[in-house]
Amino acid sequence: MDKILNLLNQIIEYNTYQDLLTKDNKDTGDTWNVHHLKLLKQLLQEYASK
C-alpha cells in the first residue's frame, strides 16, 4: 500500500504543479483531476486503515 500511496502522491504533485503553470491568478481551488486524485488517496487510506 505504501508504494501505491507514494505513486499517487507523485501524480498529485505533478498535476498540482501543472495546474499552477496553467491557472490564472484569479483561479482558486483544485482542478477536477487533482480533486479526484486526492479523493482517491483518501479512500485508499481509509481502506488500508480497516
PDB file of N, CA and C in Angstrom:
ATOM      1  N   MET A   1       0.832  -1.195   0.000  1.00  0.00           N
ATOM      2  CA  MET A   1       0.000   0.000   0.000  1.00  0.00           C
ATOM      3  C   MET A   1       0.875   1.257   0.000  1.00  0.00           C
ATOM      4  N   ASP A   2       2.028   1.168   0.653  1.00  0.00           N
ATOM      5  CA  ASP A   2       2.909   2.337   0.690  1.00  0.00           C
ATOM      6  C   ASP A   2       3.378   2.739  -0.701  1.00  0.00           C
ATOM      7  N   LYS A   3       3.673   1.758  -1.538  1.00  0.00           N
ATOM      8  CA  LYS A   3       4.114   2.059  -2.904  1.00  0.00           C
ATOM      9  C   LYS A   3       2.996   2.710  -3.703  1.00  0.00           C
ATOM     10  N   ILE A   4       1.776   2.247  -3.490  1.00  0.00           N
ATOM     11  CA  ILE A   4       0.622   2.824  -4.193  1.00  0.00           C
ATOM     12  C   ILE A   4       0.428   4.277  -3.776  1.00  0.00           C
ATOM     13  N   LEU A   5       0.462   4.538  -2.481  1.00  0.00           N
ATOM     14  CA  LEU A   5       0.271   5.904  -1.990  1.00  0.00           C
ATOM     15  C   LEU A   5       1.421   6.810  -2.421  1.00  0.00           C
ATOM     16  N   ASN A   6       2.635   6.266  -2.461  1.00  0.00           N
ATOM     17  CA  ASN A   6       3.776   7.050  -2.913  1.00  0.00           C
ATOM     18  C   ASN A   6       3.607   7.457  -4.375  1.00  0.00           C
ATOM     19  N   LEU A   7       3.202   6.512  -5.206  1.00  0.00           N
ATOM     20  CA  LEU A   7       2.965   6.811  -6.613  1.00  0.00           C
ATOM     21  C   LEU A   7       1.839   7.827  -6.764  1.00  0.00           C
ATOM     22  N   LEU A   8       0.780   7.660  -6.017  1.00  0.00           N
ATOM     23  CA  LEU A   8      -0.345   8.593  -6.074  1.00  0.00           C
ATOM     24  C   LEU A   8       0.081   9.987  -5.630  1.00  0.00           C
ATOM     25  N   ASN A   9       0.920  10.087  -4.607  1.00  0.00           N
ATOM     26  CA  ASN A   9       1.429  11.386  -4.168  1.00  0.00           C
ATOM     27  C   ASN A   9       2.234  12.065  -5.276  1.00  0.00           C
ATOM     28  N   GLN A  10       3.024  11.286  -5.995  1.00  0.00           N
ATOM     29  CA  GLN A  10       3.809  11.849  -7.094  1.00  0.00           C
ATOM     30  C   GLN A  10       2.901  12.357  -8.207  1.00  0.00           C
ATOM     31  N   ILE A  11       1.851  11.608  -8.509  1.00  0.00           N
ATOM     32  CA  ILE A  11       0.909  12.021  -9.547  1.00  0.00           C
ATOM     33  C   ILE A  11       0.176  13.292  -9.124  1.00  0.00           C
ATOM     34  N   ILE A  12      -0.222  13.352  -7.860  1.00  0.00           N
ATOM     35  CA  ILE A  12      -0.892  14.551  -7.337  1.00  0.00           C
ATOM     36  C   ILE A  12       0.052  15.745  -7.400  1.00  0.00           C
ATOM     37  N   GLU A  13       1.300  15.555  -7.000  1.00  0.00           N
ATOM     38  CA  GLU A  13       2.277  16.642  -7.021  1.00  0.00           C
ATOM     39  C   GLU A  13       2.496  17.147  -8.452  1.00  0.00           C
ATOM     40  N   TYR A  14       2.625  16.247  -9.400  1.00  0.00           N
ATOM     41  CA  TYR A  14       2.824  16.632 -10.800  1.00  0.00           C
ATOM     42  C   TYR A  14       1.622  17.419 -11.321  1.00  0.00           C
ATOM     43  N   ASN A  15       0.417  16.915 -11.055  1.00  0.00           N
ATOM     44  CA  ASN A  15      -0.788  17.588 -11.534  1.00  0.00           C
ATOM     45  C   ASN A  15      -0.983  18.944 -10.872  1.00  0.00           C
ATOM     46  N   THR A  16      -0.637  19.051  -9.600  1.00  0.00           N
ATOM     47  CA  THR A  16      -0.723  20.332  -8.903  1.00  0.00           C
ATOM     48  C   THR A  16       0.241  21.334  -9.530  1.00  0.00           C
ATOM     49  N   TYR A  17       1.453  20.881  -9.842  1.00  0.00           N
ATOM     50  CA  TYR A  17       2.441  21.751 -10.483  1.00  0.00           C
ATOM     51  C   TYR A  17       1.952  22.202 -11.859  1.00  0.00           C
ATOM     52  N   GLN A  18       1.398  21.278 -12.640  1.00  0.00           N
ATOM     53  CA  GLN A  18       0.872  21.626 -13.958  1.00  0.00           C
ATOM     54  C   GLN A  18      -0.262  22.640 -13.847  1.00  0.00           C
ATOM     55  N   ASP A  19      -1.087  22.486 -12.824  1.00  0.00           N
ATOM     56  CA  ASP A  19      -2.180  23.433 -12.602  1.00  0.00           C
ATOM     57  C   ASP A  19      -1.650  24.828 -12.311  1.00  0.00           C
ATOM     58  N   LEU A  20      -0.593  24.901 -11.510  1.00  0.00           N
ATOM     59  CA  LEU A  20      -0.020  26.206 -11.181  1.00  0.00           C
ATOM     60  C   LEU A  20       0.511  26.906 -12.423  1.00  0.00           C
ATOM     61  N   LEU A  21       1.028  26.134 -13.352  1.00  0.00           N
ATOM     62  CA  LEU A  21       1.561  26.716 -14.583  1.00  0.00           C
ATOM     63  C   LEU A  21       0.467  27.234 -15.510  1.00  0.00           C
ATOM     64  N   THR A  22      -0.721  26.637 -15.429  1.00  0.00           N
ATOM     65  CA  THR A  22      -1.775  26.989 -16.381  1.00  0.00           C
ATOM     66  C   THR A  22      -2.883  27.860 -15.792  1.00  0.00           C
ATOM     67  N   LYS A  23      -2.920  28.007 -14.482  1.00  0.00           N
ATOM     68  CA  LYS A  23      -4.001  28.784 -13.853  1.00  0.00           C
ATOM     69  C   LYS A  23      -3.767  30.280 -13.989  1.00  0.00           C
ATOM     70  N   ASP A  24      -4.867  30.992 -14.102  1.00  0.00           N
ATOM     71  CA  ASP A  24      -4.811  32.444 -13.985  1.00  0.00           C
ATOM     72  C   ASP A  24      -4.690  32.786 -12.510  1.00  0.00           C
ATOM     73  N   ASN A  25      -4.245  33.997 -12.213  1.00  0.00           N
ATOM     74  CA  ASN A  25      -4.098  34.421 -10.817  1.00  0.00           C
ATOM     75  C   ASN A  25      -5.420  34.418 -10.069  1.00  0.00           C
ATOM     76  N   LYS A  26      -6.529  34.599 -10.774  1.00  0.00           N
ATOM     77  CA  LYS A  26      -7.833  34.672 -10.112  1.00  0.00           C
ATOM     78  C   LYS A  26      -8.454  33.298  -9.872  1.00  0.00           C
ATOM     79  N   ASP A  27      -7.912  32.242 -10.497  1.00  0.00           N
ATOM     80  CA  ASP A  27      -8.444  30.892 -10.304  1.00  0.00           C
ATOM     81  C   ASP A  27      -8.078  30.372  -8.915  1.00  0.00           C
ATOM     82  N   THR A  28      -9.031  29.701  -8.288  1.00  0.00           N
ATOM     83  CA  THR A  28      -8.782  29.132  -6.966  1.00  0.00           C
ATOM     84  C   THR A  28      -9.230  27.678  -6.947  1.00  0.00           C
ATOM     85  N   GLY A  29      -8.746  26.950  -5.961  1.00  0.00           N
ATOM     86  CA  GLY A  29      -9.169  25.575  -5.787  1.00  0.00           C
ATOM     87  C   GLY A  29      -8.438  24.605  -6.701  1.00  0.00           C
ATOM     88  N   ASP A  30      -8.735  23.337  -6.508  1.00  0.00           N
ATOM     89  CA  ASP A  30      -8.115  22.276  -7.286  1.00  0.00           C
ATOM     90  C   ASP A  30      -8.874  22.056  -8.582  1.00  0.00           C
ATOM     91  N   THR A  31      -8.168  21.567  -9.580  1.00  0.00           N
ATOM     92  CA  THR A  31      -8.822  21.183 -10.821  1.00  0.00           C
ATOM     93  C   THR A  31      -9.535  19.848 -10.586  1.00  0.00           C
ATOM     94  N   TRP A  32     -10.299  19.443 -11.582  1.00  0.00           N
ATOM     95  CA  TRP A  32     -11.051  18.191 -11.495  1.00  0.00           C
ATOM     96  C   TRP A  32     -10.102  17.022 -11.234  1.00  0.00           C
ATOM     97  N   ASN A  33      -8.994  16.961 -11.973  1.00  0.00           N
ATOM     98  CA  ASN A  33      -8.042  15.855 -11.813  1.00  0.00           C
ATOM     99  C   ASN A  33      -7.447  15.809 -10.416  1.00  0.00           C
ATOM    100  N   VAL A  34      -6.959  16.935  -9.944  1.00  0.00           N
ATOM    101  CA  VAL A  34      -6.320  16.974  -8.627  1.00  0.00           C
ATOM    102  C   VAL A  34      -7.331  16.632  -7.538  1.00  0.00           C
ATOM    103  N   HIS A  35      -8.517  17.170  -7.639  1.00  0.00           N
ATOM    104  CA  HIS A  35      -9.555  16.892  -6.647  1.00  0.00           C
ATOM    105  C   HIS A  35      -9.835  15.389  -6.561  1.00  0.00           C
ATOM    106  N   HIS A  36     -10.011  14.744  -7.702  1.00  0.00           N
ATOM    107  CA  HIS A  36     -10.342  13.325  -7.698  1.00  0.00           C
ATOM    108  C   HIS A  36      -9.155  12.442  -7.321  1.00  0.00           C
ATOM    109  N   LEU A  37      -7.945  12.872  -7.642  1.00  0.00           N
ATOM    110  CA  LEU A  37      -6.768  12.130  -7.183  1.00  0.00           C
ATOM    111  C   LEU A  37      -6.649  12.188  -5.662  1.00  0.00           C
ATOM    112  N   LYS A  38      -6.900  13.348  -5.096  1.00  0.00           N
ATOM    113  CA  LYS A  38      -6.865  13.481  -3.629  1.00  0.00           C
ATOM    114  C   LYS A  38      -7.971  12.649  -2.984  1.00  0.00           C
ATOM    115  N   LEU A  39      -9.131  12.626  -3.600  1.00  0.00           N
ATOM    116  CA  LEU A  39     -10.233  11.817  -3.098  1.00  0.00           C
ATOM    117  C   LEU A  39      -9.877  10.334  -3.149  1.00  0.00           C
ATOM    118  N   LEU A  40      -9.280   9.896  -4.245  1.00  0.00           N
ATOM    119  CA  LEU A  40      -8.836   8.510  -4.369  1.00  0.00           C
ATOM    120  C   LEU A  40      -7.811   8.162  -3.296  1.00  0.00           C
ATOM    121  N   LYS A  41      -6.883   9.056  -3.036  1.00  0.00           N
ATOM    122  CA  LYS A  41      -5.882   8.839  -1.989  1.00  0.00           C
ATOM    123  C   LYS A  41      -6.549   8.682  -0.626  1.00  0.00           C
ATOM    124  N   GLN A  42      -7.508   9.550  -0.337  1.00  0.00           N
ATOM    125  CA  GLN A  42      -8.226   9.489   0.935  1.00  0.00           C
ATOM    126  C   GLN A  42      -8.970   8.158   1.076  1.00  0.00           C
ATOM    127  N   LEU A  43      -9.626   7.717   0.013  1.00  0.00           N
ATOM    128  CA  LEU A  43     -10.357   6.458   0.053  1.00  0.00           C
ATOM    129  C   LEU A  43      -9.414   5.273   0.253  1.00  0.00           C
ATOM    130  N   LEU A  44      -8.266   5.296  -0.407  1.00  0.00           N
ATOM    131  CA  LEU A  44      -7.287   4.217  -0.223  1.00  0.00           C
ATOM    132  C   LEU A  44      -6.748   4.195   1.200  1.00  0.00           C
ATOM    133  N   GLN A  45      -6.511   5.362   1.775  1.00  0.00           N
ATOM    134  CA  GLN A  45      -6.016   5.429   3.148  1.00  0.00           C
ATOM    135  C   GLN A  45      -7.064   4.899   4.124  1.00  0.00           C
ATOM    136  N   GLU A  46      -8.319   5.231   3.894  1.00  0.00           N
ATOM    137  CA  GLU A  46      -9.390   4.725   4.748  1.00  0.00           C
ATOM    138  C   GLU A  46      -9.506   3.213   4.611  1.00  0.00           C
ATOM    139  N   TYR A  47      -9.397   2.699   3.397  1.00  0.00           N
ATOM    140  CA  TYR A  47      -9.470   1.257   3.164  1.00  0.00           C
ATOM    141  C   TYR A  47      -8.320   0.541   3.850  1.00  0.00           C
ATOM    142  N   ALA A  48      -7.129   1.127   3.777  1.00  0.00           N
ATOM    143  CA  ALA A  48      -5.949   0.492   4.372  1.00  0.00           C
ATOM    144  C   ALA A  48      -6.011   0.476   5.891  1.00  0.00           C
ATOM    145  N   SER A  49      -6.716   1.428   6.472  1.00  0.00           N
ATOM    146  CA  SER A  49      -6.766   1.521   7.932  1.00  0.00           C
ATOM    147  C   SER A  49      -7.799   0.572   8.546  1.00  0.00           C
ATOM    148  N   LYS A  50      -8.590  -0.094   7.706  1.00  0.00           N
ATOM    149  CA  LYS A  50      -9.608  -1.029   8.218  1.00  0.00           C
ATOM    150  C   LYS A  50      -9.005  -2.359   8.569  1.00  0.00           C
TER     151      LYS A  50
END
